[in-house]
Amino acid sequence: YKMMLRQDAEGQALHKQRLTEAVLFMEHQGLRKLSSGPF
């Protein structure tokens, strides 16, 4: 939401980076570690 709502380039870049970090955490600490199944 914050990346969408922010109208300034700096704010958008900040939340883009934080969302990227969250997605990478989901990949490496979540899906890859928790399950060998598809879910």
All heavy atoms as atom14 arrays in JSON, in Angstrom:
{
  "sequence": "YKMMLRQDAEGQALHKQRLTEAVLFMEHQGLRKLSSGPF",
  "atom14_mask": [
    [1, 1, 1, 1, 1, 1, 1, 1, 1, 1, 1, 1, 0, 0],
    [1, 1, 1, 1, 1, 1, 1, 1, 1, 0, 0, 0, 0, 0],
    [1, 1, 1, 1, 1, 1, 1, 1, 0, 0, 0, 0, 0, 0],
    [1, 1, 1, 1, 1, 1, 1, 1, 0, 0, 0, 0, 0, 0],
    [1, 1, 1, 1, 1, 1, 1, 1, 0, 0, 0, 0, 0, 0],
    [1, 1, 1, 1, 1, 1, 1, 1, 1, 1, 1, 0, 0, 0],
    [1, 1, 1, 1, 1, 1, 1, 1, 1, 0, 0, 0, 0, 0],
    [1, 1, 1, 1, 1, 1, 1, 1, 0, 0, 0, 0, 0, 0],
    [1, 1, 1, 1, 1, 0, 0, 0, 0, 0, 0, 0, 0, 0],
    [1, 1, 1, 1, 1, 1, 1, 1, 1, 0, 0, 0, 0, 0],
    [1, 1, 1, 1, 0, 0, 0, 0, 0, 0, 0, 0, 0, 0],
    [1, 1, 1, 1, 1, 1, 1, 1, 1, 0, 0, 0, 0, 0],
    [1, 1, 1, 1, 1, 0, 0, 0, 0, 0, 0, 0, 0, 0],
    [1, 1, 1, 1, 1, 1, 1, 1, 0, 0, 0, 0, 0, 0],
    [1, 1, 1, 1, 1, 1, 1, 1, 1, 1, 0, 0, 0, 0],
    [1, 1, 1, 1, 1, 1, 1, 1, 1, 0, 0, 0, 0, 0],
    [1, 1, 1, 1, 1, 1, 1, 1, 1, 0, 0, 0, 0, 0],
    [1, 1, 1, 1, 1, 1, 1, 1, 1, 1, 1, 0, 0, 0],
    [1, 1, 1, 1, 1, 1, 1, 1, 0, 0, 0, 0, 0, 0],
    [1, 1, 1, 1, 1, 1, 1, 0, 0, 0, 0, 0, 0, 0],
    [1, 1, 1, 1, 1, 1, 1, 1, 1, 0, 0, 0, 0, 0],
    [1, 1, 1, 1, 1, 0, 0, 0, 0, 0, 0, 0, 0, 0],
    [1, 1, 1, 1, 1, 1, 1, 0, 0, 0, 0, 0, 0, 0],
    [1, 1, 1, 1, 1, 1, 1, 1, 0, 0, 0, 0, 0, 0],
    [1, 1, 1, 1, 1, 1, 1, 1, 1, 1, 1, 0, 0, 0],
    [1, 1, 1, 1, 1, 1, 1, 1, 0, 0, 0, 0, 0, 0],
    [1, 1, 1, 1, 1, 1, 1, 1, 1, 0, 0, 0, 0, 0],
    [1, 1, 1, 1, 1, 1, 1, 1, 1, 1, 0, 0, 0, 0],
    [1, 1, 1, 1, 1, 1, 1, 1, 1, 0, 0, 0, 0, 0],
    [1, 1, 1, 1, 0, 0, 0, 0, 0, 0, 0, 0, 0, 0],
    [1, 1, 1, 1, 1, 1, 1, 1, 0, 0, 0, 0, 0, 0],
    [1, 1, 1, 1, 1, 1, 1, 1, 1, 1, 1, 0, 0, 0],
    [1, 1, 1, 1, 1, 1, 1, 1, 1, 0, 0, 0, 0, 0],
    [1, 1, 1, 1, 1, 1, 1, 1, 0, 0, 0, 0, 0, 0],
    [1, 1, 1, 1, 1, 1, 0, 0, 0, 0, 0, 0, 0, 0],
    [1, 1, 1, 1, 1, 1, 0, 0, 0, 0, 0, 0, 0, 0],
    [1, 1, 1, 1, 0, 0, 0, 0, 0, 0, 0, 0, 0, 0],
    [1, 1, 1, 1, 1, 1, 1, 0, 0, 0, 0, 0, 0, 0],
    [1, 1, 1, 1, 1, 1, 1, 1, 1, 1, 1, 0, 0, 0]
  ],
  "atom14_positions": [
    [[0.81, -1.21, 0.0], [0.0, 0.0, 0.0], [0.85, 1.27, 0.0], [0.57, 2.23, -0.73], [-0.93, 0.01, 1.21], [-2.09, -0.95, 1.08], [-2.03, -2.22, 1.62], [-3.25, -0.57, 0.41], [-3.09, -3.11, 1.49], [-4.32, -1.45, 0.27], [-4.23, -2.72, 0.81], [-5.27, -3.59, 0.67], [0.0, 0.0, 0.0], [0.0, 0.0, 0.0]],
    [[1.88, 1.29, 0.8], [2.67, 2.51, 0.94], [3.43, 2.84, -0.34], [3.58, 4.03, -0.68], [3.62, 2.38, 2.13], [2.89, 2.38, 3.47], [3.86, 2.2, 4.62], [3.13, 2.16, 5.95], [4.03, 2.01, 7.11], [0.0, 0.0, 0.0], [0.0, 0.0, 0.0], [0.0, 0.0, 0.0], [0.0, 0.0, 0.0], [0.0, 0.0, 0.0]],
    [[3.92, 1.81, -1.03], [4.58, 2.08, -2.3], [3.62, 2.72, -3.3], [3.99, 3.59, -4.07], [5.15, 0.79, -2.9], [6.1, 1.04, -4.07], [6.41, -0.44, -5.08], [6.84, -1.64, -3.84], [0.0, 0.0, 0.0], [0.0, 0.0, 0.0], [0.0, 0.0, 0.0], [0.0, 0.0, 0.0], [0.0, 0.0, 0.0], [0.0, 0.0, 0.0]],
    [[2.37, 2.26, -3.26], [1.36, 2.82, -4.16], [0.96, 4.23, -3.75], [0.81, 5.11, -4.58], [0.14, 1.91, -4.18], [0.39, 0.56, -4.81], [0.6, 0.65, -6.6], [-1.09, 0.75, -7.12], [0.0, 0.0, 0.0], [0.0, 0.0, 0.0], [0.0, 0.0, 0.0], [0.0, 0.0, 0.0], [0.0, 0.0, 0.0], [0.0, 0.0, 0.0]],
    [[0.77, 4.45, -2.47], [0.25, 5.73, -1.99], [1.27, 6.86, -2.08], [0.89, 8.01, -2.31], [-0.23, 5.59, -0.55], [-1.51, 4.76, -0.35], [-1.69, 4.4, 1.12], [-2.73, 5.52, -0.86], [0.0, 0.0, 0.0], [0.0, 0.0, 0.0], [0.0, 0.0, 0.0], [0.0, 0.0, 0.0], [0.0, 0.0, 0.0], [0.0, 0.0, 0.0]],
    [[2.54, 6.53, -1.89], [3.56, 7.58, -1.93], [3.66, 8.17, -3.33], [3.76, 7.45, -4.32], [4.92, 7.04, -1.48], [5.0, 6.68, -0.01], [4.97, 7.9, 0.89], [6.16, 8.72, 0.79], [7.18, 8.63, 1.63], [7.18, 7.75, 2.61], [8.23, 9.44, 1.49], [0.0, 0.0, 0.0], [0.0, 0.0, 0.0], [0.0, 0.0, 0.0]],
    [[3.66, 9.47, -3.41], [3.73, 10.16, -4.7], [5.13, 10.65, -5.03], [5.38, 11.08, -6.15], [2.75, 11.34, -4.69], [1.31, 10.94, -4.42], [0.76, 9.98, -5.46], [0.62, 10.34, -6.63], [0.45, 8.75, -5.05], [0.0, 0.0, 0.0], [0.0, 0.0, 0.0], [0.0, 0.0, 0.0], [0.0, 0.0, 0.0], [0.0, 0.0, 0.0]],
    [[6.05, 10.56, -4.07], [7.41, 11.01, -4.3], [8.32, 9.84, -4.62], [8.14, 8.73, -4.11], [7.94, 11.74, -3.07], [7.94, 10.85, -1.83], [6.84, 10.37, -1.42], [9.02, 10.6, -1.27], [0.0, 0.0, 0.0], [0.0, 0.0, 0.0], [0.0, 0.0, 0.0], [0.0, 0.0, 0.0], [0.0, 0.0, 0.0], [0.0, 0.0, 0.0]],
    [[9.28, 10.05, -5.47], [10.18, 8.99, -5.93], [10.97, 8.37, -4.78], [11.18, 7.16, -4.74], [11.14, 9.54, -6.99], [0.0, 0.0, 0.0], [0.0, 0.0, 0.0], [0.0, 0.0, 0.0], [0.0, 0.0, 0.0], [0.0, 0.0, 0.0], [0.0, 0.0, 0.0], [0.0, 0.0, 0.0], [0.0, 0.0, 0.0], [0.0, 0.0, 0.0]],
    [[11.37, 9.2, -3.82], [12.15, 8.7, -2.68], [11.31, 7.73, -1.85], [11.79, 6.66, -1.45], [12.63, 9.86, -1.82], [13.5, 9.41, -0.64], [13.98, 10.58, 0.19], [13.66, 11.74, -0.14], [14.67, 10.33, 1.21], [0.0, 0.0, 0.0], [0.0, 0.0, 0.0], [0.0, 0.0, 0.0], [0.0, 0.0, 0.0], [0.0, 0.0, 0.0]],
    [[10.07, 8.1, -1.56], [9.2, 7.24, -0.77], [8.87, 5.96, -1.5], [8.85, 4.87, -0.9], [0.0, 0.0, 0.0], [0.0, 0.0, 0.0], [0.0, 0.0, 0.0], [0.0, 0.0, 0.0], [0.0, 0.0, 0.0], [0.0, 0.0, 0.0], [0.0, 0.0, 0.0], [0.0, 0.0, 0.0], [0.0, 0.0, 0.0], [0.0, 0.0, 0.0]],
    [[8.61, 6.04, -2.78], [8.33, 4.84, -3.57], [9.53, 3.9, -3.56], [9.39, 2.69, -3.4], [7.97, 5.23, -4.99], [6.63, 5.94, -5.12], [6.37, 6.45, -6.52], [7.06, 6.08, -7.47], [5.37, 7.32, -6.66], [0.0, 0.0, 0.0], [0.0, 0.0, 0.0], [0.0, 0.0, 0.0], [0.0, 0.0, 0.0], [0.0, 0.0, 0.0]],
    [[10.73, 4.46, -3.71], [11.95, 3.64, -3.73], [12.17, 2.96, -2.38], [12.58, 1.8, -2.31], [13.16, 4.5, -4.09], [0.0, 0.0, 0.0], [0.0, 0.0, 0.0], [0.0, 0.0, 0.0], [0.0, 0.0, 0.0], [0.0, 0.0, 0.0], [0.0, 0.0, 0.0], [0.0, 0.0, 0.0], [0.0, 0.0, 0.0], [0.0, 0.0, 0.0]],
    [[11.88, 3.68, -1.3], [12.05, 3.11, 0.04], [11.17, 1.89, 0.22], [11.64, 0.82, 0.66], [11.7, 4.17, 1.09], [11.61, 3.66, 2.54], [12.96, 3.17, 3.03], [11.07, 4.77, 3.45], [0.0, 0.0, 0.0], [0.0, 0.0, 0.0], [0.0, 0.0, 0.0], [0.0, 0.0, 0.0], [0.0, 0.0, 0.0], [0.0, 0.0, 0.0]],
    [[9.89, 2.01, -0.11], [8.97, 0.91, 0.11], [9.15, -0.2, -0.94], [8.87, -1.37, -0.65], [7.54, 1.41, 0.16], [7.27, 2.25, 1.37], [7.28, 1.71, 2.65], [7.06, 3.58, 1.52], [7.05, 2.68, 3.52], [6.93, 3.82, 2.87], [0.0, 0.0, 0.0], [0.0, 0.0, 0.0], [0.0, 0.0, 0.0], [0.0, 0.0, 0.0]],
    [[9.64, 0.15, -2.1], [9.99, -0.88, -3.08], [11.12, -1.76, -2.54], [11.08, -2.99, -2.66], [10.41, -0.22, -4.39], [10.7, -1.19, -5.53], [11.0, -0.44, -6.82], [11.19, -1.38, -7.99], [11.46, -0.62, -9.25], [0.0, 0.0, 0.0], [0.0, 0.0, 0.0], [0.0, 0.0, 0.0], [0.0, 0.0, 0.0], [0.0, 0.0, 0.0]],
    [[12.12, -1.12, -1.92], [13.22, -1.88, -1.34], [12.75, -2.74, -0.17], [13.12, -3.91, -0.06], [14.32, -0.92, -0.86], [15.48, -1.59, -0.14], [16.22, -2.6, -1.0], [16.31, -2.42, -2.22], [16.74, -3.65, -0.38], [0.0, 0.0, 0.0], [0.0, 0.0, 0.0], [0.0, 0.0, 0.0], [0.0, 0.0, 0.0], [0.0, 0.0, 0.0]],
    [[11.88, -2.19, 0.67], [11.4, -2.95, 1.82], [10.49, -4.1, 1.4], [10.53, -5.19, 2.0], [10.68, -2.02, 2.79], [11.65, -1.08, 3.5], [10.98, -0.18, 4.5], [11.96, 0.62, 5.21], [11.65, 1.58, 6.07], [10.37, 1.86, 6.33], [12.6, 2.27, 6.66], [0.0, 0.0, 0.0], [0.0, 0.0, 0.0], [0.0, 0.0, 0.0]],
    [[9.69, -3.9, 0.36], [8.87, -5.0, -0.13], [9.75, -6.07, -0.77], [9.5, -7.27, -0.6], [7.83, -4.49, -1.14], [6.89, -5.56, -1.69], [6.12, -6.27, -0.58], [5.91, -4.95, -2.7], [0.0, 0.0, 0.0], [0.0, 0.0, 0.0], [0.0, 0.0, 0.0], [0.0, 0.0, 0.0], [0.0, 0.0, 0.0], [0.0, 0.0, 0.0]],
    [[10.78, -5.66, -1.49], [11.71, -6.63, -2.07], [12.36, -7.46, -0.97], [12.47, -8.69, -1.09], [12.79, -5.91, -2.9], [12.17, -5.2, -3.98], [13.8, -6.9, -3.46], [0.0, 0.0, 0.0], [0.0, 0.0, 0.0], [0.0, 0.0, 0.0], [0.0, 0.0, 0.0], [0.0, 0.0, 0.0], [0.0, 0.0, 0.0], [0.0, 0.0, 0.0]],
    [[12.76, -6.82, 0.11], [13.36, -7.55, 1.24], [12.35, -8.53, 1.84], [12.72, -9.65, 2.19], [13.83, -6.55, 2.29], [15.02, -5.71, 1.84], [15.31, -4.56, 2.79], [14.53, -4.36, 3.75], [16.3, -3.84, 2.56], [0.0, 0.0, 0.0], [0.0, 0.0, 0.0], [0.0, 0.0, 0.0], [0.0, 0.0, 0.0], [0.0, 0.0, 0.0]],
    [[11.09, -8.12, 1.96], [10.07, -9.0, 2.51], [9.84, -10.21, 1.6], [9.71, -11.34, 2.08], [8.76, -8.24, 2.69], [0.0, 0.0, 0.0], [0.0, 0.0, 0.0], [0.0, 0.0, 0.0], [0.0, 0.0, 0.0], [0.0, 0.0, 0.0], [0.0, 0.0, 0.0], [0.0, 0.0, 0.0], [0.0, 0.0, 0.0], [0.0, 0.0, 0.0]],
    [[9.81, -9.99, 0.3], [9.6, -11.08, -0.65], [10.77, -12.06, -0.62], [10.58, -13.28, -0.66], [9.37, -10.51, -2.06], [9.41, -11.62, -3.11], [8.04, -9.78, -2.13], [0.0, 0.0, 0.0], [0.0, 0.0, 0.0], [0.0, 0.0, 0.0], [0.0, 0.0, 0.0], [0.0, 0.0, 0.0], [0.0, 0.0, 0.0], [0.0, 0.0, 0.0]],
    [[11.99, -11.54, -0.52], [13.16, -12.41, -0.43], [13.14, -13.21, 0.88], [13.54, -14.38, 0.91], [14.44, -11.59, -0.53], [14.73, -11.0, -1.92], [15.9, -10.02, -1.85], [15.05, -12.13, -2.91], [0.0, 0.0, 0.0], [0.0, 0.0, 0.0], [0.0, 0.0, 0.0], [0.0, 0.0, 0.0], [0.0, 0.0, 0.0], [0.0, 0.0, 0.0]],
    [[12.67, -12.61, 1.95], [12.54, -13.31, 3.22], [11.51, -14.43, 3.1], [11.71, -15.55, 3.6], [12.12, -12.33, 4.32], [12.26, -12.86, 5.72], [13.46, -12.73, 6.4], [11.2, -13.49, 6.35], [13.59, -13.22, 7.71], [11.32, -13.98, 7.64], [12.52, -13.84, 8.32], [0.0, 0.0, 0.0], [0.0, 0.0, 0.0], [0.0, 0.0, 0.0]],
    [[10.4, -14.15, 2.42], [9.39, -15.18, 2.17], [9.99, -16.35, 1.41], [9.73, -17.53, 1.72], [8.23, -14.58, 1.37], [7.38, -13.59, 2.16], [6.46, -12.44, 1.09], [5.47, -13.6, 0.11], [0.0, 0.0, 0.0], [0.0, 0.0, 0.0], [0.0, 0.0, 0.0], [0.0, 0.0, 0.0], [0.0, 0.0, 0.0], [0.0, 0.0, 0.0]],
    [[10.8, -16.05, 0.41], [11.42, -17.09, -0.41], [12.39, -17.95, 0.39], [12.3, -19.18, 0.39], [12.16, -16.44, -1.59], [13.04, -17.38, -2.41], [12.27, -18.28, -3.36], [11.06, -18.03, -3.56], [12.85, -19.25, -3.87], [0.0, 0.0, 0.0], [0.0, 0.0, 0.0], [0.0, 0.0, 0.0], [0.0, 0.0, 0.0], [0.0, 0.0, 0.0]],
    [[13.33, -17.29, 1.08], [14.45, -18.02, 1.68], [14.15, -18.53, 3.09], [14.56, -19.65, 3.44], [15.7, -17.13, 1.69], [16.21, -16.83, 0.31], [16.84, -17.76, -0.47], [16.14, -15.69, -0.44], [17.17, -17.22, -1.64], [16.76, -15.97, -1.64], [0.0, 0.0, 0.0], [0.0, 0.0, 0.0], [0.0, 0.0, 0.0], [0.0, 0.0, 0.0]],
    [[13.46, -17.73, 3.9], [13.17, -18.15, 5.27], [11.81, -18.85, 5.39], [11.58, -19.54, 6.37], [13.2, -16.93, 6.2], [14.54, -16.23, 6.24], [15.66, -17.13, 6.74], [15.48, -17.91, 7.67], [16.82, -17.03, 6.12], [0.0, 0.0, 0.0], [0.0, 0.0, 0.0], [0.0, 0.0, 0.0], [0.0, 0.0, 0.0], [0.0, 0.0, 0.0]],
    [[10.97, -18.65, 4.41], [9.65, -19.26, 4.43], [9.54, -20.48, 3.55], [9.73, -21.61, 3.98], [0.0, 0.0, 0.0], [0.0, 0.0, 0.0], [0.0, 0.0, 0.0], [0.0, 0.0, 0.0], [0.0, 0.0, 0.0], [0.0, 0.0, 0.0], [0.0, 0.0, 0.0], [0.0, 0.0, 0.0], [0.0, 0.0, 0.0], [0.0, 0.0, 0.0]],
    [[9.27, -20.26, 2.29], [8.95, -21.36, 1.38], [10.06, -22.39, 1.26], [9.81, -23.6, 1.24], [8.61, -20.78, 0.0], [7.25, -20.07, -0.05], [7.17, -19.16, -1.27], [6.11, -21.07, -0.05], [0.0, 0.0, 0.0], [0.0, 0.0, 0.0], [0.0, 0.0, 0.0], [0.0, 0.0, 0.0], [0.0, 0.0, 0.0], [0.0, 0.0, 0.0]],
    [[11.3, -21.96, 1.16], [12.4, -22.92, 0.98], [12.68, -23.74, 2.24], [13.14, -24.89, 2.14], [13.68, -22.2, 0.55], [13.6, -21.59, -0.84], [14.97, -21.21, -1.35], [14.88, -20.47, -2.61], [15.92, -20.17, -3.38], [17.13, -20.56, -3.02], [15.75, -19.47, -4.49], [0.0, 0.0, 0.0], [0.0, 0.0, 0.0], [0.0, 0.0, 0.0]],
    [[12.41, -23.18, 3.4], [12.74, -23.87, 4.65], [11.58, -24.67, 5.23], [11.8, -25.68, 5.91], [13.24, -22.87, 5.7], [14.64, -22.35, 5.45], [15.13, -21.57, 6.65], [16.59, -21.17, 6.49], [17.11, -20.46, 7.69], [0.0, 0.0, 0.0], [0.0, 0.0, 0.0], [0.0, 0.0, 0.0], [0.0, 0.0, 0.0], [0.0, 0.0, 0.0]],
    [[10.37, -24.22, 4.99], [9.23, -24.78, 5.71], [8.62, -26.0, 5.03], [7.99, -26.81, 5.69], [8.14, -23.71, 5.9], [8.5, -22.54, 6.8], [7.36, -21.53, 6.81], [8.79, -23.01, 8.22], [0.0, 0.0, 0.0], [0.0, 0.0, 0.0], [0.0, 0.0, 0.0], [0.0, 0.0, 0.0], [0.0, 0.0, 0.0], [0.0, 0.0, 0.0]],
    [[8.77, -26.11, 3.71], [8.0, -27.13, 3.02], [8.68, -27.59, 1.75], [9.25, -26.79, 1.01], [6.6, -26.58, 2.67], [5.9, -27.48, 1.85], [0.0, 0.0, 0.0], [0.0, 0.0, 0.0], [0.0, 0.0, 0.0], [0.0, 0.0, 0.0], [0.0, 0.0, 0.0], [0.0, 0.0, 0.0], [0.0, 0.0, 0.0], [0.0, 0.0, 0.0]],
    [[8.59, -28.89, 1.5], [9.03, -29.43, 0.21], [7.85, -29.55, -0.75], [8.02, -29.9, -1.91], [9.67, -30.81, 0.41], [8.74, -31.71, 1.01], [0.0, 0.0, 0.0], [0.0, 0.0, 0.0], [0.0, 0.0, 0.0], [0.0, 0.0, 0.0], [0.0, 0.0, 0.0], [0.0, 0.0, 0.0], [0.0, 0.0, 0.0], [0.0, 0.0, 0.0]],
    [[6.65, -29.28, -0.25], [5.45, -29.34, -1.07], [5.2, -28.01, -1.75], [5.93, -27.03, -1.53], [0.0, 0.0, 0.0], [0.0, 0.0, 0.0], [0.0, 0.0, 0.0], [0.0, 0.0, 0.0], [0.0, 0.0, 0.0], [0.0, 0.0, 0.0], [0.0, 0.0, 0.0], [0.0, 0.0, 0.0], [0.0, 0.0, 0.0], [0.0, 0.0, 0.0]],
    [[4.18, -27.93, -2.56], [3.95, -26.69, -3.32], [3.41, -25.54, -2.48], [3.53, -24.38, -2.88], [2.92, -27.12, -4.37], [2.19, -28.26, -3.74], [3.21, -28.98, -2.91], [0.0, 0.0, 0.0], [0.0, 0.0, 0.0], [0.0, 0.0, 0.0], [0.0, 0.0, 0.0], [0.0, 0.0, 0.0], [0.0, 0.0, 0.0], [0.0, 0.0, 0.0]],
    [[2.84, -25.85, -1.3], [2.2, -24.81, -0.5], [3.07, -24.42, 0.69], [4.12, -25.01, 0.93], [0.81, -25.27, -0.08], [-0.07, -25.61, -1.26], [-0.41, -26.92, -1.53], [-0.5, -24.62, -2.12], [-1.19, -27.24, -2.63], [-1.28, -24.92, -3.22], [-1.62, -26.24, -3.49], [0.0, 0.0, 0.0], [0.0, 0.0, 0.0], [0.0, 0.0, 0.0]]
  ]
}
